[in-house]
């Protein structure tokens, strides 16, 4: 790879890291502000719904801090203790966020069931609605900003935080329905709406966990991604065949291993140049990280007995 390409890669990595850190810090601050507003209103008027939503955001705050401190390590260069880099740290942080989302959803479901049995204790006040309106606006802006930054960063942990921000909007809507229900003499709406939202939150948390577990255990990519890798290799004019192809996730990056068939009369320098061109072409594909290629002389029949492409 040329020095210019390396410099451009370093600049892209630096920009991605800065965007990741900036979005993580904004998530921490956004959750802290929401907690302060909802906790103050909830304590002042005895609103269990607001206090529960504020408690939900405390866990979100912890998750945001974990992503900020832990997740940014993915941008660190490989070292002696992590020779293949730190890609698995990011899905691990995202898995933590997904676990928090599931636990909070279950907690909200429990609170909703308890509300149906015991009944509400909230005293209605317009300030409760104002606090919830502020919280929803805060979370929407946070969600929008995180998604926008992640369009260029491509971080699974930021994606998990964005989903969590969206979940916060749902939980705040449930709390708002409950508060409005108290005003109109139908407090059961608080528990009913909370129950429905909690099920959605649990589902989304499970989906976050399922996706990131696949990153951590080295799962295979989609058939479309695999075909794209094969087509990239075979599109090179010097390549006559590909076999023993293995593609798997190493963290959020794809690792590619393959045997590539070329003219057996090539000089070592010519074969090296072809390998370099193929590695660069694969690394230009989305999600591809490490590439390991073995060049075989075409025509020896080795690949005919291989279980591959």
C-alpha atoms as a PDB file:
ATOM      1  CA  UNK A   1       0.000   0.000   0.000  1.00  0.00           C
ATOM      2  CA  UNK A   2       1.372   3.445  -0.933  1.00  0.00           C
ATOM      3  CA  UNK A   3       2.363   6.039   1.633  1.00  0.00           C
ATOM      4  CA  UNK A   4      -0.394   8.318   0.338  1.00  0.00           C
ATOM      5  CA  UNK A   5      -2.976   5.597   0.880  1.00  0.00           C
ATOM      6  CA  UNK A   6      -1.633   4.996   4.377  1.00  0.00           C
ATOM      7  CA  UNK A   7      -1.818   8.710   5.180  1.00  0.00           C
ATOM      8  CA  UNK A   8      -5.414   8.886   3.918  1.00  0.00           C
ATOM      9  CA  UNK A   9      -6.293   5.827   5.988  1.00  0.00           C
ATOM     10  CA  UNK A  10      -4.774   7.428   9.099  1.00  0.00           C
ATOM     11  CA  UNK A  11      -6.746  10.619   8.487  1.00  0.00           C
ATOM     12  CA  UNK A  12      -9.983   8.678   8.090  1.00  0.00           C
ATOM     13  CA  UNK A  13      -9.311   6.725  11.287  1.00  0.00           C
ATOM     14  CA  UNK A  14      -8.526   9.951  13.163  1.00  0.00           C
ATOM     15  CA  UNK A  15     -11.728  11.607  11.904  1.00  0.00           C
ATOM     16  CA  UNK A  16     -13.761   8.520  12.845  1.00  0.00           C
ATOM     17  CA  UNK A  17     -12.274   8.480  16.332  1.00  0.00           C
ATOM     18  CA  UNK A  18     -13.002  12.182  16.836  1.00  0.00           C
ATOM     19  CA  UNK A  19     -16.585  11.702  15.659  1.00  0.00           C
ATOM     20  CA  UNK A  20     -17.017   8.698  17.944  1.00  0.00           C
ATOM     21  CA  UNK A  21     -15.696  10.537  20.995  1.00  0.00           C
ATOM     22  CA  UNK A  22     -17.759  13.644  20.223  1.00  0.00           C
ATOM     23  CA  UNK A  23     -20.993  11.657  19.840  1.00  0.00           C
ATOM     24  CA  UNK A  24     -20.254   9.662  23.011  1.00  0.00           C
ATOM     25  CA  UNK A  25     -19.653  12.846  25.030  1.00  0.00           C
ATOM     26  CA  UNK A  26     -22.896  14.370  23.711  1.00  0.00           C
ATOM     27  CA  UNK A  27     -24.742  11.199  24.784  1.00  0.00           C
ATOM     28  CA  UNK A  28     -23.291  11.468  28.286  1.00  0.00           C
ATOM     29  CA  UNK A  29     -24.294  15.142  28.602  1.00  0.00           C
ATOM     30  CA  UNK A  30     -27.740  14.603  27.066  1.00  0.00           C
ATOM     31  CA  UNK A  31     -28.593  11.810  29.493  1.00  0.00           C
ATOM     32  CA  UNK A  32     -27.276  13.813  32.461  1.00  0.00           C
ATOM     33  CA  UNK A  33     -29.532  16.765  31.603  1.00  0.00           C
ATOM     34  CA  UNK A  34     -32.564  14.511  31.189  1.00  0.00           C
ATOM     35  CA  UNK A  35     -31.935  12.879  34.565  1.00  0.00           C
ATOM     36  CA  UNK A  36     -31.719  16.259  36.320  1.00  0.00           C
ATOM     37  CA  UNK A  37     -34.966  17.589  34.811  1.00  0.00           C
ATOM     38  CA  UNK A  38     -37.072  14.451  35.289  1.00  0.00           C
ATOM     39  CA  UNK A  39     -35.791  13.659  38.765  1.00  0.00           C
ATOM     40  CA  UNK A  40     -36.523  17.209  39.953  1.00  0.00           C
ATOM     41  CA  UNK A  41     -40.097  17.128  38.593  1.00  0.00           C
ATOM     42  CA  UNK A  42     -40.716  13.577  39.772  1.00  0.00           C
ATOM     43  CA  UNK A  43     -39.590  14.296  43.315  1.00  0.00           C
ATOM     44  CA  UNK A  44     -41.545  17.556  43.472  1.00  0.00           C
ATOM     45  CA  UNK A  45     -44.887  15.995  42.460  1.00  0.00           C
ATOM     46  CA  UNK A  46     -44.449  12.361  43.464  1.00  0.00           C
ATOM     47  CA  UNK A  47     -44.520  11.030  39.927  1.00  0.00           C
ATOM     48  CA  UNK A  48     -43.361   7.429  39.871  1.00  0.00           C
ATOM     49  CA  UNK A  49     -43.439   7.515  36.063  1.00  0.00           C
ATOM     50  CA  UNK A  50     -40.945  10.378  35.882  1.00  0.00           C
ATOM     51  CA  UNK A  51     -38.723   8.933  38.589  1.00  0.00           C
ATOM     52  CA  UNK A  52     -38.705   5.579  36.775  1.00  0.00           C
ATOM     53  CA  UNK A  53     -37.852   7.315  33.503  1.00  0.00           C
ATOM     54  CA  UNK A  54     -35.060   9.219  35.262  1.00  0.00           C
ATOM     55  CA  UNK A  55     -33.762   5.964  36.760  1.00  0.00           C
ATOM     56  CA  UNK A  56     -33.870   4.459  33.271  1.00  0.00           C
ATOM     57  CA  UNK A  57     -31.669   7.314  32.089  1.00  0.00           C
ATOM     58  CA  UNK A  58     -29.186   6.714  34.913  1.00  0.00           C
ATOM     59  CA  UNK A  59     -28.451   3.322  33.398  1.00  0.00           C
ATOM     60  CA  UNK A  60     -28.290   4.979  29.962  1.00  0.00           C
ATOM     61  CA  UNK A  61     -25.757   7.424  31.377  1.00  0.00           C
ATOM     62  CA  UNK A  62     -23.635   4.543  32.635  1.00  0.00           C
ATOM     63  CA  UNK A  63     -23.866   2.855  29.231  1.00  0.00           C
ATOM     64  CA  UNK A  64     -22.820   6.086  27.496  1.00  0.00           C
ATOM     65  CA  UNK A  65     -19.815   6.429  29.792  1.00  0.00           C
ATOM     66  CA  UNK A  66     -18.809   2.813  29.130  1.00  0.00           C
ATOM     67  CA  UNK A  67     -19.007   3.381  25.381  1.00  0.00           C
ATOM     68  CA  UNK A  68     -16.987   6.591  25.671  1.00  0.00           C
ATOM     69  CA  UNK A  69     -14.221   5.122  27.834  1.00  0.00           C
ATOM     70  CA  UNK A  70     -14.179   1.597  26.473  1.00  0.00           C
ATOM     71  CA  UNK A  71     -15.478   1.752  22.934  1.00  0.00           C
ATOM     72  CA  UNK A  72     -13.009   4.343  21.639  1.00  0.00           C
ATOM     73  CA  UNK A  73     -10.214   1.825  22.218  1.00  0.00           C
ATOM     74  CA  UNK A  74     -11.233   0.257  18.912  1.00  0.00           C
ATOM     75  CA  UNK A  75      -9.388   3.104  17.169  1.00  0.00           C
ATOM     76  CA  UNK A  76      -6.098   2.318  18.913  1.00  0.00           C
ATOM     77  CA  UNK A  77      -3.341   0.869  16.740  1.00  0.00           C
ATOM     78  CA  UNK A  78      -2.409  -2.824  17.058  1.00  0.00           C
ATOM     79  CA  UNK A  79       0.153  -3.455  19.792  1.00  0.00           C
ATOM     80  CA  UNK A  80       2.047  -6.341  21.367  1.00  0.00           C
ATOM     81  CA  UNK A  81      -0.926  -7.450  23.469  1.00  0.00           C
ATOM     82  CA  UNK A  82      -3.463  -6.977  20.651  1.00  0.00           C
ATOM     83  CA  UNK A  83      -1.603  -7.690  17.390  1.00  0.00           C
ATOM     84  CA  UNK A  84      -4.826  -7.754  15.334  1.00  0.00           C
ATOM     85  CA  UNK A  85      -6.103  -4.479  16.765  1.00  0.00           C
ATOM     86  CA  UNK A  86      -8.967  -3.752  19.146  1.00  0.00           C
ATOM     87  CA  UNK A  87     -12.005  -4.319  16.894  1.00  0.00           C
ATOM     88  CA  UNK A  88     -13.748  -6.672  19.315  1.00  0.00           C
ATOM     89  CA  UNK A  89     -13.926  -4.023  22.023  1.00  0.00           C
ATOM     90  CA  UNK A  90     -16.634  -2.091  20.181  1.00  0.00           C
ATOM     91  CA  UNK A  91     -19.175  -4.927  19.843  1.00  0.00           C
ATOM     92  CA  UNK A  92     -18.423  -5.835  23.453  1.00  0.00           C
ATOM     93  CA  UNK A  93     -19.389  -2.288  24.478  1.00  0.00           C
ATOM     94  CA  UNK A  94     -22.485  -2.486  22.270  1.00  0.00           C
ATOM     95  CA  UNK A  95     -23.398  -5.834  23.854  1.00  0.00           C
ATOM     96  CA  UNK A  96     -23.203  -4.139  27.249  1.00  0.00           C
ATOM     97  CA  UNK A  97     -25.601  -1.441  26.022  1.00  0.00           C
ATOM     98  CA  UNK A  98     -27.969  -4.095  24.661  1.00  0.00           C
ATOM     99  CA  UNK A  99     -27.917  -5.917  27.995  1.00  0.00           C
ATOM    100  CA  UNK A 100     -28.721  -2.665  29.806  1.00  0.00           C
ATOM    101  CA  UNK A 101     -31.619  -2.043  27.398  1.00  0.00           C
ATOM    102  CA  UNK A 102     -33.079  -5.514  28.083  1.00  0.00           C
ATOM    103  CA  UNK A 103     -32.764  -5.148  31.853  1.00  0.00           C
ATOM    104  CA  UNK A 104     -34.367  -1.729  31.778  1.00  0.00           C
ATOM    105  CA  UNK A 105     -37.204  -3.010  29.612  1.00  0.00           C
ATOM    106  CA  UNK A 106     -37.861  -5.826  32.082  1.00  0.00           C
ATOM    107  CA  UNK A 107     -37.730  -3.354  34.958  1.00  0.00           C
ATOM    108  CA  UNK A 108     -40.227  -1.106  33.190  1.00  0.00           C
ATOM    109  CA  UNK A 109     -42.495  -4.113  32.601  1.00  0.00           C
ATOM    110  CA  UNK A 110     -42.348  -4.900  36.323  1.00  0.00           C
ATOM    111  CA  UNK A 111     -43.168  -1.297  37.248  1.00  0.00           C
ATOM    112  CA  UNK A 112     -46.101  -1.329  34.833  1.00  0.00           C
ATOM    113  CA  UNK A 113     -47.499  -4.529  36.344  1.00  0.00           C
ATOM    114  CA  UNK A 114     -47.083  -3.116  39.825  1.00  0.00           C
ATOM    115  CA  UNK A 115     -48.863   0.076  38.762  1.00  0.00           C
ATOM    116  CA  UNK A 116     -51.852  -1.947  37.551  1.00  0.00           C
ATOM    117  CA  UNK A 117     -52.064  -3.690  40.914  1.00  0.00           C
ATOM    118  CA  UNK A 118     -51.244  -0.889  43.375  1.00  0.00           C
ATOM    119  CA  UNK A 119     -52.508   2.164  41.486  1.00  0.00           C
ATOM    120  CA  UNK A 120     -50.760   5.534  40.910  1.00  0.00           C
ATOM    121  CA  UNK A 121     -49.621   8.061  43.514  1.00  0.00           C
ATOM    122  CA  UNK A 122     -48.846  10.988  41.238  1.00  0.00           C
ATOM    123  CA  UNK A 123     -50.216  14.507  41.734  1.00  0.00           C
ATOM    124  CA  UNK A 124     -50.903  16.131  38.392  1.00  0.00           C
ATOM    125  CA  UNK A 125     -49.042  19.305  37.444  1.00  0.00           C
ATOM    126  CA  UNK A 126     -48.391  20.999  34.088  1.00  0.00           C
ATOM    127  CA  UNK A 127     -44.709  20.947  35.035  1.00  0.00           C
ATOM    128  CA  UNK A 128     -44.761  17.166  34.712  1.00  0.00           C
ATOM    129  CA  UNK A 129     -45.832  17.481  31.092  1.00  0.00           C
ATOM    130  CA  UNK A 130     -43.240  20.209  30.527  1.00  0.00           C
ATOM    131  CA  UNK A 131     -40.484  17.998  31.971  1.00  0.00           C
ATOM    132  CA  UNK A 132     -41.511  15.064  29.784  1.00  0.00           C
ATOM    133  CA  UNK A 133     -41.745  17.293  26.712  1.00  0.00           C
ATOM    134  CA  UNK A 134     -38.230  18.536  27.392  1.00  0.00           C
ATOM    135  CA  UNK A 135     -36.985  14.975  27.853  1.00  0.00           C
ATOM    136  CA  UNK A 136     -38.484  13.817  24.566  1.00  0.00           C
ATOM    137  CA  UNK A 137     -36.986  16.770  22.691  1.00  0.00           C
ATOM    138  CA  UNK A 138     -33.628  16.134  24.359  1.00  0.00           C
ATOM    139  CA  UNK A 139     -33.639  12.453  23.377  1.00  0.00           C
ATOM    140  CA  UNK A 140     -34.826  13.116  19.835  1.00  0.00           C
ATOM    141  CA  UNK A 141     -32.009  15.607  19.224  1.00  0.00           C
ATOM    142  CA  UNK A 142     -29.551  13.167  20.784  1.00  0.00           C
ATOM    143  CA  UNK A 143     -30.866  10.332  18.608  1.00  0.00           C
ATOM    144  CA  UNK A 144     -30.730  12.464  15.458  1.00  0.00           C
ATOM    145  CA  UNK A 145     -27.197  13.669  16.188  1.00  0.00           C
ATOM    146  CA  UNK A 146     -25.870  10.190  17.033  1.00  0.00           C
ATOM    147  CA  UNK A 147     -27.345   8.671  13.872  1.00  0.00           C
ATOM    148  CA  UNK A 148     -25.956  11.511  11.773  1.00  0.00           C
ATOM    149  CA  UNK A 149     -22.430  11.123  13.173  1.00  0.00           C
ATOM    150  CA  UNK A 150     -22.595   7.352  12.845  1.00  0.00           C
ATOM    151  CA  UNK A 151     -23.333   7.612   9.125  1.00  0.00           C
ATOM    152  CA  UNK A 152     -19.631   8.400   8.694  1.00  0.00           C
ATOM    153  CA  UNK A 153     -18.233   6.555  11.741  1.00  0.00           C
ATOM    154  CA  UNK A 154     -20.086   3.247  11.307  1.00  0.00           C
ATOM    155  CA  UNK A 155     -19.859   2.276  14.983  1.00  0.00           C
ATOM    156  CA  UNK A 156     -21.996  -0.567  16.350  1.00  0.00           C
ATOM    157  CA  UNK A 157     -21.819   0.869  19.864  1.00  0.00           C
ATOM    158  CA  UNK A 158     -22.986   4.305  18.673  1.00  0.00           C
ATOM    159  CA  UNK A 159     -25.792   2.559  16.796  1.00  0.00           C
ATOM    160  CA  UNK A 160     -26.757   0.865  20.067  1.00  0.00           C
ATOM    161  CA  UNK A 161     -26.743   4.221  21.880  1.00  0.00           C
ATOM    162  CA  UNK A 162     -28.955   5.683  19.151  1.00  0.00           C
ATOM    163  CA  UNK A 163     -31.470   2.868  19.629  1.00  0.00           C
ATOM    164  CA  UNK A 164     -31.365   3.502  23.368  1.00  0.00           C
ATOM    165  CA  UNK A 165     -32.107   7.202  22.776  1.00  0.00           C
ATOM    166  CA  UNK A 166     -35.102   6.222  20.659  1.00  0.00           C
ATOM    167  CA  UNK A 167     -36.245   3.869  23.430  1.00  0.00           C
ATOM    168  CA  UNK A 168     -36.053   6.787  25.859  1.00  0.00           C
ATOM    169  CA  UNK A 169     -38.525   8.680  23.689  1.00  0.00           C
ATOM    170  CA  UNK A 170     -40.924   5.740  23.896  1.00  0.00           C
ATOM    171  CA  UNK A 171     -40.613   5.470  27.669  1.00  0.00           C
ATOM    172  CA  UNK A 172     -41.182   9.212  28.010  1.00  0.00           C
ATOM    173  CA  UNK A 173     -44.280   8.938  25.801  1.00  0.00           C
ATOM    174  CA  UNK A 174     -45.544   6.154  28.078  1.00  0.00           C
ATOM    175  CA  UNK A 175     -44.946   8.349  31.116  1.00  0.00           C
ATOM    176  CA  UNK A 176     -46.717  11.240  29.359  1.00  0.00           C
ATOM    177  CA  UNK A 177     -49.736   9.055  28.589  1.00  0.00           C
ATOM    178  CA  UNK A 178     -49.845   8.091  32.246  1.00  0.00           C
ATOM    179  CA  UNK A 179     -49.668  11.700  33.441  1.00  0.00           C
ATOM    180  CA  UNK A 180     -52.372  12.771  30.998  1.00  0.00           C
ATOM    181  CA  UNK A 181     -54.428   9.772  32.089  1.00  0.00           C
ATOM    182  CA  UNK A 182     -54.214  10.969  35.701  1.00  0.00           C
ATOM    183  CA  UNK A 183     -55.465  14.377  34.602  1.00  0.00           C
ATOM    184  CA  UNK A 184     -58.487  12.846  32.830  1.00  0.00           C
ATOM    185  CA  UNK A 185     -59.224  10.361  35.608  1.00  0.00           C
ATOM    186  CA  UNK A 186     -57.819   7.264  33.843  1.00  0.00           C
ATOM    187  CA  UNK A 187     -54.583   6.440  35.708  1.00  0.00           C
ATOM    188  CA  UNK A 188     -54.592   2.864  34.371  1.00  0.00           C
ATOM    189  CA  UNK A 189     -53.222   4.286  31.108  1.00  0.00           C
ATOM    190  CA  UNK A 190     -49.885   4.825  32.834  1.00  0.00           C
ATOM    191  CA  UNK A 191     -49.335   1.140  33.528  1.00  0.00           C
ATOM    192  CA  UNK A 192     -50.854  -0.091  30.252  1.00  0.00           C
ATOM    193  CA  UNK A 193     -48.747   2.172  28.044  1.00  0.00           C
ATOM    194  CA  UNK A 194     -45.642   1.377  30.067  1.00  0.00           C
ATOM    195  CA  UNK A 195     -46.197  -2.350  29.590  1.00  0.00           C
ATOM    196  CA  UNK A 196     -46.472  -2.083  25.805  1.00  0.00           C
ATOM    197  CA  UNK A 197     -43.372   0.102  25.541  1.00  0.00           C
ATOM    198  CA  UNK A 198     -41.363  -2.173  27.824  1.00  0.00           C
ATOM    199  CA  UNK A 199     -41.934  -5.127  25.499  1.00  0.00           C
ATOM    200  CA  UNK A 200     -40.617  -3.083  22.563  1.00  0.00           C
ATOM    201  CA  UNK A 201     -37.580  -2.017  24.576  1.00  0.00           C
ATOM    202  CA  UNK A 202     -36.768  -5.628  25.491  1.00  0.00           C
ATOM    203  CA  UNK A 203     -37.096  -6.703  21.851  1.00  0.00           C
ATOM    204  CA  UNK A 204     -34.733  -3.980  20.638  1.00  0.00           C
ATOM    205  CA  UNK A 205     -32.215  -4.802  23.353  1.00  0.00           C
ATOM    206  CA  UNK A 206     -32.243  -8.468  22.310  1.00  0.00           C
ATOM    207  CA  UNK A 207     -31.681  -7.451  18.673  1.00  0.00           C
ATOM    208  CA  UNK A 208     -28.676  -5.310  19.665  1.00  0.00           C
ATOM    209  CA  UNK A 209     -27.237  -8.223  21.626  1.00  0.00           C
ATOM    210  CA  UNK A 210     -27.874 -10.763  18.851  1.00  0.00           C
ATOM    211  CA  UNK A 211     -26.094  -8.632  16.248  1.00  0.00           C
ATOM    212  CA  UNK A 212     -23.036  -7.956  18.368  1.00  0.00           C
ATOM    213  CA  UNK A 213     -22.690 -11.524  19.626  1.00  0.00           C
ATOM    214  CA  UNK A 214     -22.250 -12.522  15.972  1.00  0.00           C
ATOM    215  CA  UNK A 215     -19.352 -10.058  15.759  1.00  0.00           C
ATOM    216  CA  UNK A 216     -17.726 -11.471  18.883  1.00  0.00           C
ATOM    217  CA  UNK A 217     -17.930 -15.157  17.935  1.00  0.00           C
ATOM    218  CA  UNK A 218     -16.515 -14.723  14.426  1.00  0.00           C
ATOM    219  CA  UNK A 219     -19.724 -15.361  12.494  1.00  0.00           C
ATOM    220  CA  UNK A 220     -19.799 -15.449   8.701  1.00  0.00           C
ATOM    221  CA  UNK A 221     -21.007 -12.404   6.727  1.00  0.00           C
ATOM    222  CA  UNK A 222     -24.025 -12.359   4.438  1.00  0.00           C
ATOM    223  CA  UNK A 223     -23.996 -14.290   1.151  1.00  0.00           C
ATOM    224  CA  UNK A 224     -24.022 -10.958  -0.686  1.00  0.00           C
ATOM    225  CA  UNK A 225     -20.833  -9.796   1.065  1.00  0.00           C
ATOM    226  CA  UNK A 226     -19.142 -13.121   0.359  1.00  0.00           C
ATOM    227  CA  UNK A 227     -20.074 -12.940  -3.349  1.00  0.00           C
ATOM    228  CA  UNK A 228     -18.729  -9.393  -3.528  1.00  0.00           C
ATOM    229  CA  UNK A 229     -15.368 -10.566  -2.159  1.00  0.00           C
ATOM    230  CA  UNK A 230     -15.174 -13.445  -4.646  1.00  0.00           C
ATOM    231  CA  UNK A 231     -16.107 -11.166  -7.547  1.00  0.00           C
ATOM    232  CA  UNK A 232     -13.455  -8.646  -6.506  1.00  0.00           C
ATOM    233  CA  UNK A 233     -10.774 -11.327  -6.539  1.00  0.00           C
ATOM    234  CA  UNK A 234     -11.886 -12.868  -9.822  1.00  0.00           C
ATOM    235  CA  UNK A 235     -12.221  -9.509 -11.563  1.00  0.00           C
ATOM    236  CA  UNK A 236      -8.431  -9.109 -11.561  1.00  0.00           C
ATOM    237  CA  UNK A 237      -7.036  -9.991 -15.009  1.00  0.00           C
ATOM    238  CA  UNK A 238      -4.268 -12.162 -13.558  1.00  0.00           C
ATOM    239  CA  UNK A 239      -6.587 -14.347 -11.447  1.00  0.00           C
ATOM    240  CA  UNK A 240      -7.840 -17.598 -12.978  1.00  0.00           C
ATOM    241  CA  UNK A 241      -9.570 -19.030  -9.920  1.00  0.00           C
ATOM    242  CA  UNK A 242     -10.306 -18.727  -6.192  1.00  0.00           C
ATOM    243  CA  UNK A 243     -10.663 -21.536  -3.648  1.00  0.00           C
ATOM    244  CA  UNK A 244     -10.531 -22.224   0.108  1.00  0.00           C
ATOM    245  CA  UNK A 245     -12.194 -18.885   0.791  1.00  0.00           C
ATOM    246  CA  UNK A 246     -12.936 -18.149   4.444  1.00  0.00           C
ATOM    247  CA  UNK A 247     -14.601 -14.892   5.509  1.00  0.00           C
ATOM    248  CA  UNK A 248     -15.533 -14.150   9.117  1.00  0.00           C
ATOM    249  CA  UNK A 249     -16.029 -11.258  11.511  1.00  0.00           C
ATOM    250  CA  UNK A 250     -13.134 -10.231  13.729  1.00  0.00           C
ATOM    251  CA  UNK A 251     -14.989  -7.702  15.839  1.00  0.00           C
ATOM    252  CA  UNK A 252     -16.857  -5.435  13.431  1.00  0.00           C
ATOM    253  CA  UNK A 253     -14.288  -5.993  10.664  1.00  0.00           C
ATOM    254  CA  UNK A 254     -14.313  -8.835   8.166  1.00  0.00           C
ATOM    255  CA  UNK A 255     -11.206 -10.991   7.892  1.00  0.00           C
ATOM    256  CA  UNK A 256     -10.600 -12.661   4.532  1.00  0.00           C
ATOM    257  CA  UNK A 257      -8.478 -15.752   3.881  1.00  0.00           C
ATOM    258  CA  UNK A 258      -8.250 -17.260   0.384  1.00  0.00           C
ATOM    259  CA  UNK A 259      -6.134 -19.176  -2.103  1.00  0.00           C
ATOM    260  CA  UNK A 260      -5.886 -17.379  -5.450  1.00  0.00           C
ATOM    261  CA  UNK A 261      -4.783 -19.115  -8.664  1.00  0.00           C
ATOM    262  CA  UNK A 262      -2.389 -17.230 -10.961  1.00  0.00           C
ATOM    263  CA  UNK A 263       0.066 -18.044 -13.731  1.00  0.00           C
ATOM    264  CA  UNK A 264       2.759 -20.313 -12.302  1.00  0.00           C
ATOM    265  CA  UNK A 265       5.409 -18.732 -14.560  1.00  0.00           C
ATOM    266  CA  UNK A 266       5.171 -15.325 -12.869  1.00  0.00           C
ATOM    267  CA  UNK A 267       8.279 -13.980 -11.174  1.00  0.00           C
ATOM    268  CA  UNK A 268       8.201 -13.491  -7.423  1.00  0.00           C
ATOM    269  CA  UNK A 269       8.060  -9.721  -7.905  1.00  0.00           C
ATOM    270  CA  UNK A 270       5.132  -9.984 -10.330  1.00  0.00           C
ATOM    271  CA  UNK A 271       3.241 -12.318  -7.997  1.00  0.00           C
ATOM    272  CA  UNK A 272       3.896  -9.957  -5.086  1.00  0.00           C
ATOM    273  CA  UNK A 273       2.511  -6.996  -7.051  1.00  0.00           C
ATOM    274  CA  UNK A 274      -0.649  -8.947  -7.914  1.00  0.00           C
ATOM    275  CA  UNK A 275      -1.153  -9.948  -4.291  1.00  0.00           C
ATOM    276  CA  UNK A 276      -0.754  -6.323  -3.200  1.00  0.00           C
ATOM    277  CA  UNK A 277      -3.332  -5.160  -5.750  1.00  0.00           C
ATOM    278  CA  UNK A 278      -5.803  -7.807  -4.586  1.00  0.00           C
ATOM    279  CA  UNK A 279      -5.324  -6.961  -0.901  1.00  0.00           C
ATOM    280  CA  UNK A 280      -5.852  -3.239  -1.581  1.00  0.00           C
ATOM    281  CA  UNK A 281      -8.987  -3.987  -3.655  1.00  0.00           C
ATOM    282  CA  UNK A 282     -10.477  -6.115  -0.869  1.00  0.00           C
ATOM    283  CA  UNK A 283      -9.662  -3.616   1.853  1.00  0.00           C
ATOM    284  CA  UNK A 284     -11.513  -0.970  -0.139  1.00  0.00           C
ATOM    285  CA  UNK A 285     -14.705  -3.006   0.326  1.00  0.00           C
ATOM    286  CA  UNK A 286     -17.041  -2.090   3.158  1.00  0.00           C
ATOM    287  CA  UNK A 287     -16.260  -3.781   6.514  1.00  0.00           C
ATOM    288  CA  UNK A 288     -13.163  -5.637   5.233  1.00  0.00           C
ATOM    289  CA  UNK A 289     -10.154  -5.376   7.549  1.00  0.00           C
ATOM    290  CA  UNK A 290      -7.370  -7.971   7.464  1.00  0.00           C
ATOM    291  CA  UNK A 291      -6.736  -9.903   4.225  1.00  0.00           C
ATOM    292  CA  UNK A 292      -4.552 -13.008   3.951  1.00  0.00           C
ATOM    293  CA  UNK A 293      -3.994 -14.403   0.459  1.00  0.00           C
ATOM    294  CA  UNK A 294      -2.020 -17.436  -0.721  1.00  0.00           C
ATOM    295  CA  UNK A 295      -1.077 -17.483  -4.413  1.00  0.00           C
ATOM    296  CA  UNK A 296      -1.246 -20.877  -6.114  1.00  0.00           C
ATOM    297  CA  UNK A 297       0.054 -21.709  -9.610  1.00  0.00           C
ATOM    298  CA  UNK A 298      -2.905 -22.289 -11.917  1.00  0.00           C
ATOM    299  CA  UNK A 299      -3.279 -25.687 -13.569  1.00  0.00           C
ATOM    300  CA  UNK A 300      -1.981 -28.005 -10.838  1.00  0.00           C
ATOM    301  CA  UNK A 301      -5.499 -29.124  -9.906  1.00  0.00           C
ATOM    302  CA  UNK A 302      -5.200 -28.439  -6.168  1.00  0.00           C
ATOM    303  CA  UNK A 303      -8.446 -26.479  -6.048  1.00  0.00           C
ATOM    304  CA  UNK A 304     -10.471 -29.219  -7.779  1.00  0.00           C
ATOM    305  CA  UNK A 305     -10.594 -31.222  -4.565  1.00  0.00           C
ATOM    306  CA  UNK A 306     -11.174 -28.183  -2.336  1.00  0.00           C
ATOM    307  CA  UNK A 307     -14.556 -27.495  -0.813  1.00  0.00           C
ATOM    308  CA  UNK A 308     -14.757 -23.862  -1.780  1.00  0.00           C
ATOM    309  CA  UNK A 309     -15.394 -21.525  -4.688  1.00  0.00           C
END
